[in-house]
Amino acid sequence: ARTKFHDETAIVDEEEKTTGKPKYPEALPRDPISKSMFRTSAMMARMIVSASKKGAEKIDDYGEKKKDAIPEDKMKNVQVGRTSIKMAKATRSVSEKTHS
């Protein structure tokens, strides 16, 4: 059976910082299956966040490498449209809010 449980508490609380394990919510049943499902979902969430961070670092490194490969004389002649600049600013703003 599936449950529609959504925990609004912080992703990492004080107990998780000290023990490395997420705090089991009071609202969930105490049977072994529910506990196991909670631990598995919490572990998967941490793995997804970790993989996403590593992927973002790789993409950032690749972009910097490609940017550094462009000669300076070609960089001066590049014209960027206003729409592209606005989209870049909006993307950066969302990224900063998401990753902070």
C-alpha atoms as a PDB file:
ATOM      1  CA  ALA A   1       0.000   0.000   0.000  1.00  0.00           C
ATOM      2  CA  ARG A   2       1.195   3.499  -0.755  1.00  0.00           C
ATOM      3  CA  THR A   3       0.987   6.376   1.634  1.00  0.00           C
ATOM      4  CA  LYS A   4       0.756  10.038   0.787  1.00  0.00           C
ATOM      5  CA  PHE A   5       3.134  11.313   3.424  1.00  0.00           C
ATOM      6  CA  HIS A   6       5.032  14.529   2.912  1.00  0.00           C
ATOM      7  CA  ASP A   7       7.299  15.834   5.642  1.00  0.00           C
ATOM      8  CA  GLU A   8       7.615  19.631   5.764  1.00  0.00           C
ATOM      9  CA  THR A   9      10.514  19.669   8.228  1.00  0.00           C
ATOM     10  CA  ALA A  10      14.033  20.687   7.268  1.00  0.00           C
ATOM     11  CA  ILE A  11      15.961  18.271   5.075  1.00  0.00           C
ATOM     12  CA  VAL A  12      18.789  17.974   7.588  1.00  0.00           C
ATOM     13  CA  ASP A  13      18.020  18.436  11.260  1.00  0.00           C
ATOM     14  CA  GLU A  14      20.307  18.377  14.291  1.00  0.00           C
ATOM     15  CA  GLU A  15      19.879  14.642  14.934  1.00  0.00           C
ATOM     16  CA  GLU A  16      20.868  13.802  11.365  1.00  0.00           C
ATOM     17  CA  LYS A  17      23.962  15.993  11.635  1.00  0.00           C
ATOM     18  CA  THR A  18      25.189  14.146  14.729  1.00  0.00           C
ATOM     19  CA  THR A  19      24.169  10.561  13.884  1.00  0.00           C
ATOM     20  CA  GLY A  20      24.203  10.678  10.091  1.00  0.00           C
ATOM     21  CA  LYS A  21      20.700   9.165  10.052  1.00  0.00           C
ATOM     22  CA  PRO A  22      17.501  11.120   9.409  1.00  0.00           C
ATOM     23  CA  LYS A  23      15.037  11.471  12.276  1.00  0.00           C
ATOM     24  CA  TYR A  24      12.082   9.122  11.892  1.00  0.00           C
ATOM     25  CA  PRO A  25       8.880  11.221  11.732  1.00  0.00           C
ATOM     26  CA  GLU A  26       6.333  10.783  14.522  1.00  0.00           C
ATOM     27  CA  ALA A  27       3.434  10.580  12.043  1.00  0.00           C
ATOM     28  CA  LEU A  28       4.676   7.375  10.393  1.00  0.00           C
ATOM     29  CA  PRO A  29       3.853   3.876  11.639  1.00  0.00           C
ATOM     30  CA  ARG A  30       6.483   2.113  13.736  1.00  0.00           C
ATOM     31  CA  ASP A  31       6.461  -1.231  11.903  1.00  0.00           C
ATOM     32  CA  PRO A  32       9.723  -2.528  10.368  1.00  0.00           C
ATOM     33  CA  ILE A  33       8.529  -2.163   6.773  1.00  0.00           C
ATOM     34  CA  SER A  34       7.633   1.516   7.185  1.00  0.00           C
ATOM     35  CA  LYS A  35      10.956   2.202   8.895  1.00  0.00           C
ATOM     36  CA  SER A  36      12.831   0.387   6.144  1.00  0.00           C
ATOM     37  CA  MET A  37      10.980   2.309   3.422  1.00  0.00           C
ATOM     38  CA  PHE A  38      11.742   5.603   5.173  1.00  0.00           C
ATOM     39  CA  ARG A  39      15.453   4.793   5.525  1.00  0.00           C
ATOM     40  CA  THR A  40      15.647   3.677   1.890  1.00  0.00           C
ATOM     41  CA  SER A  41      13.936   6.810   0.591  1.00  0.00           C
ATOM     42  CA  ALA A  42      16.142   9.047   2.762  1.00  0.00           C
ATOM     43  CA  MET A  43      19.277   7.278   1.516  1.00  0.00           C
ATOM     44  CA  MET A  44      18.128   7.573  -2.101  1.00  0.00           C
ATOM     45  CA  ALA A  45      17.435  11.283  -1.611  1.00  0.00           C
ATOM     46  CA  ARG A  46      20.957  11.831  -0.271  1.00  0.00           C
ATOM     47  CA  MET A  47      22.434   9.846  -3.185  1.00  0.00           C
ATOM     48  CA  ILE A  48      20.437  11.870  -5.732  1.00  0.00           C
ATOM     49  CA  VAL A  49      21.583  15.162  -4.203  1.00  0.00           C
ATOM     50  CA  SER A  50      25.196  13.970  -4.134  1.00  0.00           C
ATOM     51  CA  ALA A  51      25.096  12.755  -7.748  1.00  0.00           C
ATOM     52  CA  SER A  52      23.462  16.013  -8.852  1.00  0.00           C
ATOM     53  CA  LYS A  53      26.173  18.082  -7.183  1.00  0.00           C
ATOM     54  CA  LYS A  54      28.927  16.016  -8.819  1.00  0.00           C
ATOM     55  CA  GLY A  55      27.203  16.271 -12.197  1.00  0.00           C
ATOM     56  CA  ALA A  56      26.868  20.042 -11.839  1.00  0.00           C
ATOM     57  CA  GLU A  57      30.573  20.320 -10.992  1.00  0.00           C
ATOM     58  CA  LYS A  58      31.505  18.273 -14.080  1.00  0.00           C
ATOM     59  CA  ILE A  59      29.314  20.434 -16.305  1.00  0.00           C
ATOM     60  CA  ASP A  60      30.777  23.600 -14.800  1.00  0.00           C
ATOM     61  CA  ASP A  61      34.334  22.344 -15.302  1.00  0.00           C
ATOM     62  CA  TYR A  62      33.562  21.376 -18.907  1.00  0.00           C
ATOM     63  CA  GLY A  63      32.074  24.823 -19.606  1.00  0.00           C
ATOM     64  CA  GLU A  64      35.074  26.586 -18.102  1.00  0.00           C
ATOM     65  CA  LYS A  65      37.440  24.431 -20.156  1.00  0.00           C
ATOM     66  CA  LYS A  66      35.537  25.261 -23.348  1.00  0.00           C
ATOM     67  CA  LYS A  67      35.404  28.958 -22.441  1.00  0.00           C
ATOM     68  CA  ASP A  68      39.154  29.038 -21.842  1.00  0.00           C
ATOM     69  CA  ALA A  69      39.749  27.387 -25.238  1.00  0.00           C
ATOM     70  CA  ILE A  70      38.259  30.358 -27.115  1.00  0.00           C
ATOM     71  CA  PRO A  71      40.949  32.854 -28.211  1.00  0.00           C
ATOM     72  CA  GLU A  72      40.661  36.411 -26.862  1.00  0.00           C
ATOM     73  CA  ASP A  73      40.370  38.022 -30.309  1.00  0.00           C
ATOM     74  CA  LYS A  74      37.244  35.983 -31.093  1.00  0.00           C
ATOM     75  CA  MET A  75      35.647  36.887 -27.773  1.00  0.00           C
ATOM     76  CA  LYS A  76      35.644  40.612 -28.628  1.00  0.00           C
ATOM     77  CA  ASN A  77      33.602  40.110 -31.819  1.00  0.00           C
ATOM     78  CA  VAL A  78      30.806  38.101 -30.218  1.00  0.00           C
ATOM     79  CA  GLN A  79      27.426  39.795 -30.132  1.00  0.00           C
ATOM     80  CA  VAL A  80      24.838  38.534 -27.665  1.00  0.00           C
ATOM     81  CA  GLY A  81      21.169  39.395 -28.004  1.00  0.00           C
ATOM     82  CA  ARG A  82      19.141  41.023 -25.226  1.00  0.00           C
ATOM     83  CA  THR A  83      16.896  37.977 -24.886  1.00  0.00           C
ATOM     84  CA  SER A  84      19.885  35.711 -24.348  1.00  0.00           C
ATOM     85  CA  ILE A  85      21.240  38.017 -21.654  1.00  0.00           C
ATOM     86  CA  LYS A  86      17.852  38.120 -19.894  1.00  0.00           C
ATOM     87  CA  MET A  87      17.571  34.323 -20.019  1.00  0.00           C
ATOM     88  CA  ALA A  88      21.091  33.935 -18.617  1.00  0.00           C
ATOM     89  CA  LYS A  89      20.290  36.309 -15.731  1.00  0.00           C
ATOM     90  CA  ALA A  90      17.047  34.473 -14.952  1.00  0.00           C
ATOM     91  CA  THR A  91      18.796  31.097 -15.072  1.00  0.00           C
ATOM     92  CA  ARG A  92      21.558  32.302 -12.764  1.00  0.00           C
ATOM     93  CA  SER A  93      19.004  33.749 -10.336  1.00  0.00           C
ATOM     94  CA  VAL A  94      17.072  30.470 -10.174  1.00  0.00           C
ATOM     95  CA  SER A  95      20.295  28.522  -9.794  1.00  0.00           C
ATOM     96  CA  GLU A  96      21.491  30.678  -6.916  1.00  0.00           C
ATOM     97  CA  LYS A  97      18.143  30.380  -5.114  1.00  0.00           C
ATOM     98  CA  THR A  98      18.039  26.616  -5.684  1.00  0.00           C
ATOM     99  CA  HIS A  99      21.597  25.883  -4.546  1.00  0.00           C
ATOM    100  CA  SER A 100      21.726  28.204  -1.550  1.00  0.00           C
END
